[in-house]
C-alpha atoms as a PDB file:
ATOM      1  CA  MET A   1       6.817  88.980 136.970  1.00  0.00           C
ATOM      2  CA  GLN A   2       9.346  91.769 136.815  1.00  0.00           C
ATOM      3  CA  PRO A   3      12.908  91.144 138.035  1.00  0.00           C
ATOM      4  CA  PRO A   4      13.933  93.026 141.217  1.00  0.00           C
ATOM      5  CA  GLU A   5      15.569  95.843 139.234  1.00  0.00           C
ATOM      6  CA  GLY A   6      12.345  96.224 137.217  1.00  0.00           C
ATOM      7  CA  ARG A   7      10.303  96.459 140.374  1.00  0.00           C
ATOM      8  CA  ARG A   8      12.690  99.076 141.768  1.00  0.00           C
ATOM      9  CA  ARG A   9      12.426 101.088 138.559  1.00  0.00           C
ATOM     10  CA  PHE A  10       8.629 100.915 138.625  1.00  0.00           C
ATOM     11  CA  GLU A  11       8.548 102.063 142.243  1.00  0.00           C
ATOM     12  CA  GLU A  12      10.790 105.026 141.377  1.00  0.00           C
ATOM     13  CA  ILE A  13       8.578 105.994 138.422  1.00  0.00           C
ATOM     14  CA  TYR A  14       5.465 105.572 140.561  1.00  0.00           C
ATOM     15  CA  ALA A  15       6.863 107.729 143.370  1.00  0.00           C
ATOM     16  CA  ALA A  16       7.973 110.455 140.965  1.00  0.00           C
ATOM     17  CA  CYS A  17       4.876 110.496 138.749  1.00  0.00           C
ATOM     18  CA  HIS A  18       1.925 109.455 140.917  1.00  0.00           C
ATOM     19  CA  ASP A  19       0.941 112.950 142.084  1.00  0.00           C
ATOM     20  CA  PRO A  20       1.357 114.730 138.729  1.00  0.00           C
ATOM     21  CA  VAL A  21      -0.580 112.019 136.848  1.00  0.00           C
ATOM     22  CA  LEU A  22      -3.314 112.018 139.492  1.00  0.00           C
ATOM     23  CA  ALA A  23      -3.590 115.812 139.248  1.00  0.00           C
ATOM     24  CA  TYR A  24      -3.790 115.497 135.446  1.00  0.00           C
ATOM     25  CA  LEU A  25      -6.674 113.036 135.808  1.00  0.00           C
ATOM     26  CA  MET A  26      -8.467 114.966 138.558  1.00  0.00           C
ATOM     27  CA  ARG A  27      -8.684 117.974 136.233  1.00  0.00           C
ATOM     28  CA  ARG A  28     -10.291 115.796 133.550  1.00  0.00           C
ATOM     29  CA  THR A  29     -12.834 113.792 135.566  1.00  0.00           C
ATOM     30  CA  ASP A  30     -15.929 114.731 137.540  1.00  0.00           C
ATOM     31  CA  HIS A  31     -15.303 112.331 140.407  1.00  0.00           C
ATOM     32  CA  GLY A  32     -12.217 111.380 142.382  1.00  0.00           C
ATOM     33  CA  GLU A  33     -13.213 107.719 142.105  1.00  0.00           C
ATOM     34  CA  ASP A  34     -13.012 107.942 138.314  1.00  0.00           C
ATOM     35  CA  ALA A  35      -9.590 109.561 138.514  1.00  0.00           C
ATOM     36  CA  ALA A  36      -8.406 106.821 140.874  1.00  0.00           C
ATOM     37  CA  ASP A  37      -9.691 104.104 138.526  1.00  0.00           C
ATOM     38  CA  VAL A  38      -7.932 105.630 135.520  1.00  0.00           C
ATOM     39  CA  LEU A  39      -4.767 106.170 137.571  1.00  0.00           C
ATOM     40  CA  ALA A  40      -4.736 102.485 138.501  1.00  0.00           C
ATOM     41  CA  GLU A  41      -5.228 101.519 134.857  1.00  0.00           C
ATOM     42  CA  THR A  42      -2.405 103.887 133.844  1.00  0.00           C
ATOM     43  CA  PHE A  43       0.082 102.360 136.249  1.00  0.00           C
ATOM     44  CA  LEU A  44      -1.031  98.851 135.334  1.00  0.00           C
ATOM     45  CA  VAL A  45      -0.105  99.617 131.727  1.00  0.00           C
ATOM     46  CA  ALA A  46       3.164 101.117 132.964  1.00  0.00           C
ATOM     47  CA  TRP A  47       3.948  97.911 134.871  1.00  0.00           C
ATOM     48  CA  ARG A  48       3.204  95.764 131.843  1.00  0.00           C
ATOM     49  CA  ARG A  49       5.191  97.976 129.472  1.00  0.00           C
ATOM     50  CA  LEU A  50       7.976  98.938 131.855  1.00  0.00           C
ATOM     51  CA  ASP A  51      10.656  98.388 129.209  1.00  0.00           C
ATOM     52  CA  GLU A  52       8.985 100.960 126.926  1.00  0.00           C
ATOM     53  CA  ILE A  53       8.901 103.781 129.481  1.00  0.00           C
ATOM     54  CA  PRO A  54      11.537 106.405 128.684  1.00  0.00           C
ATOM     55  CA  SER A  55      13.988 107.162 131.443  1.00  0.00           C
ATOM     56  CA  GLY A  56      14.270 110.336 133.454  1.00  0.00           C
ATOM     57  CA  GLU A  57      11.926 113.262 132.968  1.00  0.00           C
ATOM     58  CA  ALA A  58      10.477 111.739 129.780  1.00  0.00           C
ATOM     59  CA  ALA A  59       8.586 109.135 131.857  1.00  0.00           C
ATOM     60  CA  ARG A  60       5.967 111.650 133.009  1.00  0.00           C
ATOM     61  CA  PRO A  61       4.806 112.723 129.519  1.00  0.00           C
ATOM     62  CA  TRP A  62       4.764 109.059 128.479  1.00  0.00           C
ATOM     63  CA  LEU A  63       2.485 108.314 131.456  1.00  0.00           C
ATOM     64  CA  TYR A  64       0.290 111.296 130.534  1.00  0.00           C
ATOM     65  CA  GLY A  65      -0.155 109.695 127.117  1.00  0.00           C
ATOM     66  CA  VAL A  66      -1.139 106.398 128.708  1.00  0.00           C
ATOM     67  CA  ALA A  67      -3.469 108.225 131.107  1.00  0.00           C
ATOM     68  CA  ARG A  68      -5.023 110.134 128.204  1.00  0.00           C
ATOM     69  CA  ARG A  69      -5.848 106.907 126.364  1.00  0.00           C
ATOM     70  CA  ALA A  70      -7.106 105.211 129.553  1.00  0.00           C
ATOM     71  CA  LEU A  71      -9.279 108.260 130.229  1.00  0.00           C
ATOM     72  CA  ALA A  72     -10.698 108.107 126.698  1.00  0.00           C
ATOM     73  CA  ASN A  73     -11.575 104.445 127.264  1.00  0.00           C
ATOM     74  CA  HIS A  74     -13.177 105.368 130.589  1.00  0.00           C
ATOM     75  CA  HIS A  75     -15.307 108.093 128.961  1.00  0.00           C
ATOM     76  CA  ARG A  76     -16.371 105.752 126.141  1.00  0.00           C
ATOM     77  CA  GLY A  77     -17.405 103.155 128.707  1.00  0.00           C
ATOM     78  CA  ALA A  78     -19.380 105.749 130.671  1.00  0.00           C
ATOM     79  CA  ARG A  79     -21.194 106.860 127.501  1.00  0.00           C
ATOM     80  CA  ARG A  80     -22.026 103.243 126.636  1.00  0.00           C
ATOM     81  CA  ARG A  81     -23.362 102.603 130.154  1.00  0.00           C
ATOM     82  CA  SER A  82     -25.414 105.798 130.018  1.00  0.00           C
ATOM     83  CA  ALA A  83     -26.857 104.929 126.605  1.00  0.00           C
ATOM     84  CA  LEU A  84     -27.682 101.424 127.797  1.00  0.00           C
ATOM     85  CA  SER A  85     -29.394 102.800 130.904  1.00  0.00           C
ATOM     86  CA  GLU A  86     -31.493 105.160 128.784  1.00  0.00           C
ATOM     87  CA  ARG A  87     -32.439 102.350 126.407  1.00  0.00           C
ATOM     88  CA  LEU A  88     -33.415 100.056 129.275  1.00  0.00           C
ATOM     89  CA  ARG A  89     -35.480 102.813 130.932  1.00  0.00           C
ATOM     90  CA  ALA A  90     -37.324 103.353 127.648  1.00  0.00           C
ATOM     91  CA  GLU A  91     -37.912  99.621 127.191  1.00  0.00           C
ATOM     92  CA  LEU A  92     -39.114  99.131 130.759  1.00  0.00           C
ATOM     93  CA  ARG A  93     -41.477 102.119 130.793  1.00  0.00           C
ATOM     94  CA  PRO A  94     -44.308 100.169 129.076  1.00  0.00           C
ATOM     95  CA  HIS A  95     -43.935  97.481 131.741  1.00  0.00           C
ATOM     96  CA  ASP A  96     -44.578  99.891 134.584  1.00  0.00           C
ATOM     97  CA  ARG A  97     -45.946  98.038 137.590  1.00  0.00           C
ATOM     98  CA  THR A  98     -48.767 100.540 137.990  1.00  0.00           C
ATOM     99  CA  ALA A  99     -50.327  99.122 134.822  1.00  0.00           C
ATOM    100  CA  GLU A 100     -50.505  95.641 136.365  1.00  0.00           C
ATOM    101  CA  PRO A 101     -53.289  94.567 138.693  1.00  0.00           C
ATOM    102  CA  HIS A 102     -52.718  96.104 142.086  1.00  0.00           C
ATOM    103  CA  LEU A 103     -52.083  93.424 144.687  1.00  0.00           C
ATOM    104  CA  ALA A 104     -50.933  95.631 147.562  1.00  0.00           C
ATOM    105  CA  ASP A 105     -54.120  95.050 149.585  1.00  0.00           C
ATOM    106  CA  ASP A 106     -54.605  91.485 148.445  1.00  0.00           C
ATOM    107  CA  ALA A 107     -54.296  88.670 150.994  1.00  0.00           C
ATOM    108  CA  VAL A 108     -51.756  86.867 148.777  1.00  0.00           C
ATOM    109  CA  ALA A 109     -49.457  89.888 148.608  1.00  0.00           C
ATOM    110  CA  ASP A 110     -49.924  90.548 152.315  1.00  0.00           C
ATOM    111  CA  ALA A 111     -49.063  86.941 153.178  1.00  0.00           C
ATOM    112  CA  PHE A 112     -46.040  87.053 150.874  1.00  0.00           C
ATOM    113  CA  ARG A 113     -44.750  90.269 152.464  1.00  0.00           C
ATOM    114  CA  GLY A 114     -45.125  88.650 155.883  1.00  0.00           C
ATOM    115  CA  LEU A 115     -42.654  85.874 155.041  1.00  0.00           C
ATOM    116  CA  SER A 116     -38.969  86.016 155.939  1.00  0.00           C
ATOM    117  CA  ASP A 117     -36.543  87.419 153.361  1.00  0.00           C
ATOM    118  CA  ASP A 118     -35.199  83.910 152.717  1.00  0.00           C
ATOM    119  CA  ASP A 119     -38.673  82.456 152.104  1.00  0.00           C
ATOM    120  CA  ARG A 120     -39.630  85.355 149.799  1.00  0.00           C
ATOM    121  CA  GLU A 121     -36.403  84.970 147.817  1.00  0.00           C
ATOM    122  CA  LEU A 122     -36.861  81.225 147.461  1.00  0.00           C
ATOM    123  CA  LEU A 123     -40.499  81.496 146.351  1.00  0.00           C
ATOM    124  CA  SER A 124     -39.585  84.348 144.003  1.00  0.00           C
ATOM    125  CA  LEU A 125     -36.874  82.283 142.335  1.00  0.00           C
ATOM    126  CA  VAL A 126     -39.499  79.639 141.582  1.00  0.00           C
ATOM    127  CA  GLY A 127     -42.484  81.828 140.779  1.00  0.00           C
ATOM    128  CA  TRP A 128     -41.003  84.892 139.137  1.00  0.00           C
ATOM    129  CA  GLU A 129     -37.731  83.595 137.721  1.00  0.00           C
ATOM    130  CA  GLY A 130     -39.036  80.135 136.813  1.00  0.00           C
ATOM    131  CA  LEU A 131     -36.005  78.284 138.199  1.00  0.00           C
ATOM    132  CA  ASP A 132     -36.023  74.619 139.158  1.00  0.00           C
ATOM    133  CA  ALA A 133     -34.452  73.140 142.292  1.00  0.00           C
ATOM    134  CA  GLY A 134     -31.101  72.519 140.568  1.00  0.00           C
ATOM    135  CA  GLN A 135     -30.849  76.074 139.310  1.00  0.00           C
ATOM    136  CA  ILE A 136     -31.880  77.495 142.674  1.00  0.00           C
ATOM    137  CA  ALA A 137     -29.193  75.344 144.320  1.00  0.00           C
ATOM    138  CA  VAL A 138     -26.610  77.130 142.145  1.00  0.00           C
ATOM    139  CA  VAL A 139     -28.027  80.567 143.022  1.00  0.00           C
ATOM    140  CA  LEU A 140     -28.102  79.842 146.758  1.00  0.00           C
ATOM    141  CA  GLY A 141     -24.894  77.812 146.864  1.00  0.00           C
ATOM    142  CA  CYS A 142     -26.448  74.745 148.476  1.00  0.00           C
ATOM    143  CA  SER A 143     -27.530  71.259 147.460  1.00  0.00           C
ATOM    144  CA  ARG A 144     -30.599  70.474 145.373  1.00  0.00           C
ATOM    145  CA  ASN A 145     -31.976  68.462 148.286  1.00  0.00           C
ATOM    146  CA  ALA A 146     -31.565  71.437 150.643  1.00  0.00           C
ATOM    147  CA  VAL A 147     -33.500  73.571 148.140  1.00  0.00           C
ATOM    148  CA  ARG A 148     -36.324  71.030 148.010  1.00  0.00           C
ATOM    149  CA  ILE A 149     -36.580  70.973 151.804  1.00  0.00           C
ATOM    150  CA  ARG A 150     -36.418  74.776 152.123  1.00  0.00           C
ATOM    151  CA  LEU A 151     -38.941  75.191 149.325  1.00  0.00           C
ATOM    152  CA  HIS A 152     -41.352  72.729 150.940  1.00  0.00           C
ATOM    153  CA  ARG A 153     -41.110  74.587 154.251  1.00  0.00           C
ATOM    154  CA  ALA A 154     -41.442  78.011 152.614  1.00  0.00           C
ATOM    155  CA  ARG A 155     -44.545  76.910 150.718  1.00  0.00           C
ATOM    156  CA  ARG A 156     -46.034  75.541 153.935  1.00  0.00           C
ATOM    157  CA  ARG A 157     -45.333  78.800 155.815  1.00  0.00           C
ATOM    158  CA  PHE A 158     -46.823  80.775 152.925  1.00  0.00           C
ATOM    159  CA  ALA A 159     -49.953  78.618 152.878  1.00  0.00           C
ATOM    160  CA  ARG A 160     -50.402  79.079 156.637  1.00  0.00           C
ATOM    161  CA  ALA A 161     -49.889  82.839 156.368  1.00  0.00           C
ATOM    162  CA  LEU A 162     -52.360  83.059 153.492  1.00  0.00           C
ATOM    163  CA  GLU A 163     -54.935  80.954 155.326  1.00  0.00           C
ATOM    164  CA  ALA A 164     -54.593  83.133 158.424  1.00  0.00           C
ATOM    165  CA  ARG A 165     -55.218  86.274 156.387  1.00  0.00           C
ATOM    166  CA  GLN A 166     -58.182  84.810 154.528  1.00  0.00           C
ATOM    167  CA  THR A 167     -59.929  83.457 157.630  1.00  0.00           C
ATOM    168  CA  ARG A 168     -59.366  86.586 159.703  1.00  0.00           C
ATOM    169  CA  PRO A 169     -62.828  87.983 160.513  1.00  0.00           C
ATOM    170  CA  ALA A 170     -63.531  91.386 159.088  1.00  0.00           C
ATOM    171  CA  HIS A 171     -64.828  93.890 161.580  1.00  0.00           C
ATOM    172  CA  PRO A 172     -67.957  95.739 160.481  1.00  0.00           C
ATOM    173  CA  ARG A 173     -67.452  99.440 159.964  1.00  0.00           C
ATOM    174  CA  GLY A 174     -67.706 101.251 163.248  1.00  0.00           C
ATOM    175  CA  ALA A 175     -67.747  98.093 165.393  1.00  0.00           C
ATOM    176  CA  ARG A 176     -65.156  97.886 168.129  1.00  0.00           C
ATOM    177  CA  VAL A 177     -62.971  94.850 168.560  1.00  0.00           C
ATOM    178  CA  GLY A 178     -64.738  92.451 170.867  1.00  0.00           C
ATOM    179  CA  GLU A 179     -68.156  93.984 170.171  1.00  0.00           C
ATOM    180  CA  LYS A 180     -70.676  91.631 168.581  1.00  0.00           C
ATOM    181  CA  GLU A 181     -72.426  92.590 165.403  1.00  0.00           C
ATOM    182  CA  HIS A 182     -76.221  92.921 165.845  1.00  0.00           C
ATOM    183  CA  ALA A 183     -78.456  91.599 163.101  1.00  0.00           C
END
């Protein structure tokens, strides 16, 4: 924590240098949000290193130097994120869902889509993520017992929805609802 005179000095530096440093960053970034992030990082460093900031007009070039290094870190981070995204896209391409059996018209998929968001999430955590009741309790922020109860109810609702879809009579092609099929 800075003493009151340190806080006053920081506020003076901030007031005098905010706009020029922001303009410096805006000219070097593609998005205003990036400039704002780097500006915040720059003034955070200034706060931490307040005793090292030169006085008077020399403060602005010092802050430009800090902003330059923070901007370089920002660009490196963006390149790493971009490279990671490309690598993940390449790795996931072979696992394209179109290569898997198509379940869109299947009664199981239809019944699953008909469940509430909460039931789908709960059943997905068990079926797709392979989590047990204790782990799901952590994800959902509730007790293990609450998970067991919710899971039991979700499975029951799913079974009823699936049964309803499987026992639904199929209408012969061209027959109208309510019209009996002639043998």
